[in-house]
Amino acid sequence: MRLGINTYTYMWSIGFEGARPENPMTAVGLLEQARRLGVKVVQVGPNLPLDKLTGPELDTFCDRAREWEIELELGTRGLEFDHLAAQGALCKRIGATLLRTIPEIGGRMPSTPEITASLRAILPVLEREGVRLGMENGKIPAADLAQALEETASPLCGIVLDTVNSLAVPEGWKQVAETLAPYTMCLHLKEFIVKRVWHMMGFICEGRAAGQGQLDIPWLLEACRKSRYDYNVIIELWPPEQKTLAETIALEEAWAVESVKFLRRHIPD
């Protein structure tokens, strides 16, 4: 188990539609952040796609990762065969052994049989490229993901366990962790807090730095001991928007530093 960051640690710094910083963080910039924070794993997701880089840019990215001894993981979305095959080849090129994906087909949530069929179809590619495929939980019930993995019955397919995403189903994070822990190839540790709005009719769910919210991190890490994999823990952040984008980015950076400092109590590498 090693501690790391990804492109969702720095969503605001990288930018997205409606929030574009003047100087967005680059892929090499993300590696530099990992180096400053003292973590040795970087997972690059579809909000900063490596397949959009030029050949020389990708070479520079890989060279820096090797020079700084940073382990790489790749993130994408979708279960379409051609897309996953291309991403698997990219994993091999950059030296990543884990490919994280959101289980969707054509932008929609697939049925359990569709997930199983997609996983079985891609297995030969995973074997050829030396890559494991981890599906991230979110809009699909945890039990359905577990069923698809049991039916696929391959150690090359598993779960990227996110601590908050399944609130959208809705499912409690402890229930999800208990169901998916045995299949966990990677843990997206996202701290959060749920609080009532002032008029008491409804709730707000927003992020916090690790150790400053409602996530029981010792319990979570103990539950994930059931995993059959040597998984990495990736910090993800949900900083609420501040008055300006610059202030939001500053909060994001502060939370990244605080999160690493807190999690080093549990994950010394």
Protein backbone atom coordinates (compact mmCIF):
# COMPACT_ATOMS: atom_id res chain seq x y z
CA MET A 1 0.00 0.00 0.00
CA ARG A 2 1.35 3.40 -1.05
CA LEU A 3 -0.11 6.89 -0.78
CA GLY A 4 -0.68 8.97 -3.90
CA ILE A 5 -2.60 11.73 -5.63
CA ASN A 6 -4.50 12.01 -8.88
CA THR A 7 -6.05 14.54 -11.20
CA TYR A 8 -9.12 14.70 -8.93
CA THR A 9 -6.94 15.88 -6.08
CA TYR A 10 -6.48 19.00 -8.21
CA MET A 11 -9.74 19.43 -10.15
CA TRP A 12 -9.82 23.21 -9.68
CA SER A 13 -6.12 23.63 -10.49
CA ILE A 14 -6.47 21.62 -13.72
CA GLY A 15 -9.74 23.31 -14.61
CA PHE A 16 -13.00 22.29 -16.23
CA GLU A 17 -15.85 23.91 -18.13
CA GLY A 18 -16.92 26.96 -16.15
CA ALA A 19 -13.71 27.13 -14.11
CA ARG A 20 -10.58 27.56 -16.23
CA PRO A 21 -7.49 28.89 -14.41
CA GLU A 22 -5.12 31.16 -16.29
CA ASN A 23 -2.29 28.66 -15.95
CA PRO A 24 -3.85 25.21 -15.57
CA MET A 25 -1.87 22.41 -14.01
CA THR A 26 -0.24 20.12 -16.57
CA ALA A 27 0.52 16.42 -16.41
CA VAL A 28 4.16 17.13 -15.53
CA GLY A 29 2.89 19.71 -13.02
CA LEU A 30 0.93 16.95 -11.30
CA LEU A 31 4.13 14.90 -10.99
CA GLU A 32 5.83 17.95 -9.50
CA GLN A 33 3.05 18.24 -6.93
CA ALA A 34 3.50 14.58 -5.99
CA ARG A 35 7.20 15.20 -5.53
CA ARG A 36 6.55 18.24 -3.29
CA LEU A 37 4.07 16.27 -1.20
CA GLY A 38 6.40 13.31 -0.87
CA VAL A 39 4.07 10.74 -2.43
CA LYS A 40 5.15 8.14 -4.96
CA VAL A 41 1.93 7.32 -6.86
CA VAL A 42 0.14 9.46 -9.46
CA GLN A 43 -3.10 8.44 -11.14
CA VAL A 44 -4.01 10.47 -14.23
CA GLY A 45 -7.72 10.60 -15.03
CA PRO A 46 -9.85 11.69 -18.00
CA ASN A 47 -9.92 15.31 -16.81
CA LEU A 48 -6.26 15.50 -17.93
CA PRO A 49 -6.11 12.84 -20.67
CA LEU A 50 -2.65 11.58 -21.50
CA ASP A 51 -3.79 10.46 -24.96
CA LYS A 52 -4.23 14.13 -25.88
CA LEU A 53 -0.54 14.82 -25.32
CA THR A 54 1.88 14.91 -28.23
CA GLY A 55 4.49 12.16 -28.48
CA PRO A 56 7.29 14.36 -27.08
CA GLU A 57 5.02 15.61 -24.26
CA LEU A 58 4.14 12.05 -23.27
CA ASP A 59 7.80 11.06 -23.39
CA THR A 60 8.70 13.95 -21.08
CA PHE A 61 5.94 12.96 -18.68
CA CYS A 62 7.17 9.35 -18.54
CA ASP A 63 10.79 10.43 -18.21
CA ARG A 64 9.98 12.62 -15.21
CA ALA A 65 7.97 9.86 -13.55
CA ARG A 66 10.89 7.45 -13.93
CA GLU A 67 13.43 10.04 -12.79
CA TRP A 68 11.41 10.85 -9.67
CA GLU A 69 10.47 7.18 -9.06
CA ILE A 70 6.74 7.85 -9.25
CA GLU A 71 4.43 4.91 -9.94
CA LEU A 72 1.81 5.68 -12.58
CA GLU A 73 -1.81 4.61 -12.83
CA LEU A 74 -4.21 5.56 -15.62
CA GLY A 75 -7.85 6.61 -15.38
CA THR A 76 -10.56 6.65 -18.04
CA ARG A 77 -14.30 6.10 -18.35
CA GLY A 78 -16.37 3.59 -20.29
CA LEU A 79 -16.43 -0.16 -20.95
CA GLU A 80 -16.36 -0.07 -24.76
CA PHE A 81 -13.88 -2.66 -26.05
CA ASP A 82 -11.96 -0.49 -28.54
CA HIS A 83 -11.58 2.31 -26.02
CA LEU A 84 -10.35 0.04 -23.23
CA ALA A 85 -7.95 -1.69 -25.63
CA ALA A 86 -6.43 1.66 -26.58
CA GLN A 87 -6.18 2.68 -22.93
CA GLY A 88 -4.58 -0.65 -22.07
CA ALA A 89 -1.93 -0.05 -24.73
CA LEU A 90 -1.34 3.42 -23.28
CA CYS A 91 -0.91 1.85 -19.83
CA LYS A 92 1.79 -0.39 -21.22
CA ARG A 93 3.54 2.54 -22.87
CA ILE A 94 3.72 4.59 -19.66
CA GLY A 95 4.41 1.61 -17.41
CA ALA A 96 1.07 1.65 -15.56
CA THR A 97 -0.34 -1.66 -14.35
CA LEU A 98 -3.73 -0.32 -13.22
CA LEU A 99 -6.44 1.14 -15.46
CA ARG A 100 -9.36 2.73 -13.63
CA THR A 101 -12.65 3.19 -15.44
CA ILE A 102 -16.19 4.35 -14.82
CA PRO A 103 -18.52 1.47 -15.77
CA GLU A 104 -20.69 3.04 -18.44
CA ILE A 105 -21.49 2.22 -22.06
CA GLY A 106 -22.34 5.05 -24.44
CA GLY A 107 -22.68 7.37 -21.47
CA ARG A 108 -25.36 5.26 -19.78
CA MET A 109 -25.29 2.88 -16.83
CA PRO A 110 -25.05 -0.72 -18.09
CA SER A 111 -26.87 -3.72 -16.67
CA THR A 112 -24.97 -6.34 -14.69
CA PRO A 113 -24.91 -8.79 -17.65
CA GLU A 114 -23.54 -6.01 -19.88
CA ILE A 115 -20.77 -5.28 -17.38
CA THR A 116 -19.86 -8.95 -17.17
CA ALA A 117 -19.81 -9.32 -20.95
CA SER A 118 -17.60 -6.24 -21.33
CA LEU A 119 -15.13 -7.49 -18.72
CA ARG A 120 -14.91 -10.94 -20.26
CA ALA A 121 -14.33 -9.45 -23.71
CA ILE A 122 -11.41 -7.27 -22.57
CA LEU A 123 -9.61 -9.98 -20.55
CA PRO A 124 -7.28 -11.08 -23.41
CA VAL A 125 -6.19 -7.46 -23.88
CA LEU A 126 -5.52 -7.04 -20.17
CA GLU A 127 -3.45 -10.22 -20.16
CA ARG A 128 -1.48 -9.11 -23.22
CA GLU A 129 -0.73 -5.64 -21.87
CA GLY A 130 -0.08 -6.73 -18.29
CA VAL A 131 -2.80 -4.43 -16.93
CA ARG A 132 -5.50 -4.78 -14.29
CA LEU A 133 -8.87 -3.06 -14.78
CA GLY A 134 -10.58 -1.43 -11.80
CA MET A 135 -14.17 -0.20 -12.04
CA GLU A 136 -15.02 2.77 -9.84
CA ASN A 137 -18.23 2.63 -7.84
CA GLY A 138 -20.73 5.42 -8.26
CA LYS A 139 -24.15 5.18 -9.86
CA ILE A 140 -24.27 1.37 -9.96
CA PRO A 141 -25.15 -0.45 -6.72
CA ALA A 142 -22.17 -2.08 -5.03
CA ALA A 143 -23.84 -5.50 -5.02
CA ASP A 144 -24.27 -5.38 -8.80
CA LEU A 145 -20.59 -4.56 -9.31
CA ALA A 146 -19.61 -7.42 -7.00
CA GLN A 147 -21.89 -9.79 -8.90
CA ALA A 148 -20.33 -8.83 -12.24
CA LEU A 149 -16.85 -9.47 -10.84
CA GLU A 150 -17.86 -12.83 -9.40
CA GLU A 151 -19.28 -13.83 -12.78
CA THR A 152 -16.16 -12.62 -14.59
CA ALA A 153 -13.97 -14.55 -12.15
CA SER A 154 -10.64 -12.98 -13.13
CA PRO A 155 -7.99 -11.43 -10.88
CA LEU A 156 -7.40 -8.88 -13.64
CA CYS A 157 -10.75 -7.17 -12.94
CA GLY A 158 -11.66 -5.46 -9.69
CA ILE A 159 -12.77 -2.25 -8.03
CA VAL A 160 -11.49 1.26 -7.49
CA LEU A 161 -13.29 1.97 -4.23
CA ASP A 162 -14.45 5.56 -3.78
CA THR A 163 -15.62 6.58 -0.33
CA VAL A 164 -18.26 9.11 -1.41
CA ASN A 165 -19.46 8.42 -4.97
CA SER A 166 -22.08 5.84 -3.99
CA LEU A 167 -24.02 8.41 -1.97
CA ALA A 168 -25.60 9.13 -5.36
CA VAL A 169 -27.20 5.65 -5.51
CA PRO A 170 -27.82 6.18 -2.48
CA GLU A 171 -25.78 3.71 -0.43
CA GLY A 172 -23.92 4.26 2.81
CA TRP A 173 -20.15 4.39 2.47
CA LYS A 174 -19.57 1.67 5.08
CA GLN A 175 -21.99 -0.68 3.31
CA VAL A 176 -20.23 -0.04 0.00
CA ALA A 177 -16.79 -0.57 1.53
CA GLU A 178 -17.80 -3.86 3.15
CA THR A 179 -19.29 -5.13 -0.12
CA LEU A 180 -16.43 -4.09 -2.40
CA ALA A 181 -13.37 -4.38 -0.14
CA PRO A 182 -12.47 -7.90 -1.31
CA TYR A 183 -12.21 -6.67 -4.92
CA THR A 184 -10.43 -3.36 -4.20
CA MET A 185 -7.44 -2.66 -6.47
CA CYS A 186 -7.23 1.01 -5.51
CA LEU A 187 -8.82 3.19 -2.81
CA HIS A 188 -9.96 6.72 -3.63
CA LEU A 189 -9.95 8.28 -0.20
CA LYS A 190 -12.26 11.27 -0.31
CA GLU A 191 -13.12 12.94 2.99
CA PHE A 192 -16.59 14.46 3.32
CA ILE A 193 -19.16 15.95 5.63
CA VAL A 194 -22.96 15.87 5.40
CA LYS A 195 -24.74 18.70 7.20
CA ARG A 196 -28.25 20.13 7.29
CA VAL A 197 -29.06 23.37 5.55
CA TRP A 198 -30.06 26.23 7.86
CA HIS A 199 -33.82 25.65 7.42
CA MET A 200 -33.38 21.94 8.29
CA MET A 201 -35.12 20.77 5.09
CA GLY A 202 -32.35 18.94 3.28
CA PHE A 203 -28.62 18.34 3.44
CA ILE A 204 -25.37 19.54 1.91
CA CYS A 205 -22.58 17.07 1.16
CA GLU A 206 -19.15 18.59 0.59
CA GLY A 207 -15.51 17.73 0.92
CA ARG A 208 -12.97 18.19 3.68
CA ALA A 209 -9.27 17.56 4.10
CA ALA A 210 -8.54 14.00 5.24
CA GLY A 211 -9.23 13.58 8.94
CA GLN A 212 -11.47 16.65 9.15
CA GLY A 213 -14.78 15.12 8.11
CA GLN A 214 -17.04 12.17 8.89
CA LEU A 215 -15.00 9.40 7.26
CA ASP A 216 -13.78 6.83 9.77
CA ILE A 217 -10.39 6.27 8.16
CA PRO A 218 -9.04 3.63 10.60
CA TRP A 219 -12.23 1.61 10.12
CA LEU A 220 -11.99 1.97 6.34
CA LEU A 221 -8.38 0.78 6.15
CA GLU A 222 -9.18 -2.14 8.43
CA ALA A 223 -12.18 -3.09 6.24
CA CYS A 224 -9.99 -2.97 3.13
CA ARG A 225 -7.62 -5.53 4.61
CA LYS A 226 -10.04 -8.01 3.04
CA SER A 227 -8.73 -6.97 -0.38
CA ARG A 228 -6.91 -9.65 -2.33
CA TYR A 229 -4.72 -6.95 -3.89
CA ASP A 230 -1.83 -4.77 -2.75
CA TYR A 231 -3.73 -1.56 -3.46
CA ASN A 232 -2.66 2.10 -3.41
CA VAL A 233 -4.54 4.86 -1.59
CA ILE A 234 -5.22 7.93 -3.74
CA ILE A 235 -6.29 11.21 -2.15
CA GLU A 236 -9.22 12.92 -3.85
CA LEU A 237 -10.65 16.27 -2.81
CA TRP A 238 -13.97 18.09 -3.07
CA PRO A 239 -13.10 21.67 -2.04
CA PRO A 240 -16.21 23.89 -2.09
CA GLU A 241 -16.05 26.87 -4.40
CA GLN A 242 -14.74 30.05 -2.76
CA LYS A 243 -15.31 33.70 -3.76
CA THR A 244 -12.66 33.50 -6.48
CA LEU A 245 -11.06 30.68 -8.44
CA ALA A 246 -7.66 31.64 -7.01
CA GLU A 247 -9.00 31.23 -3.45
CA THR A 248 -10.53 27.86 -4.35
CA ILE A 249 -7.23 26.65 -5.82
CA ALA A 250 -5.40 27.84 -2.69
CA LEU A 251 -7.84 25.86 -0.51
CA GLU A 252 -7.34 22.80 -2.70
CA GLU A 253 -3.57 23.00 -2.29
CA ALA A 254 -3.86 23.49 1.48
CA TRP A 255 -6.15 20.46 1.77
CA ALA A 256 -3.74 18.32 -0.26
CA VAL A 257 -0.91 19.17 2.14
CA GLU A 258 -3.11 18.60 5.22
CA SER A 259 -4.44 15.31 3.83
CA VAL A 260 -1.00 13.87 3.15
CA LYS A 261 0.18 14.92 6.60
CA PHE A 262 -2.80 13.24 8.28
CA LEU A 263 -2.70 10.06 6.22
CA ARG A 264 0.99 9.52 6.88
CA ARG A 265 -0.11 8.42 10.37
CA HIS A 266 -1.77 5.42 8.72
CA ILE A 267 0.15 4.96 5.45
CA PRO A 268 3.89 5.46 5.93
CA ASP A 269 4.62 3.56 2.66
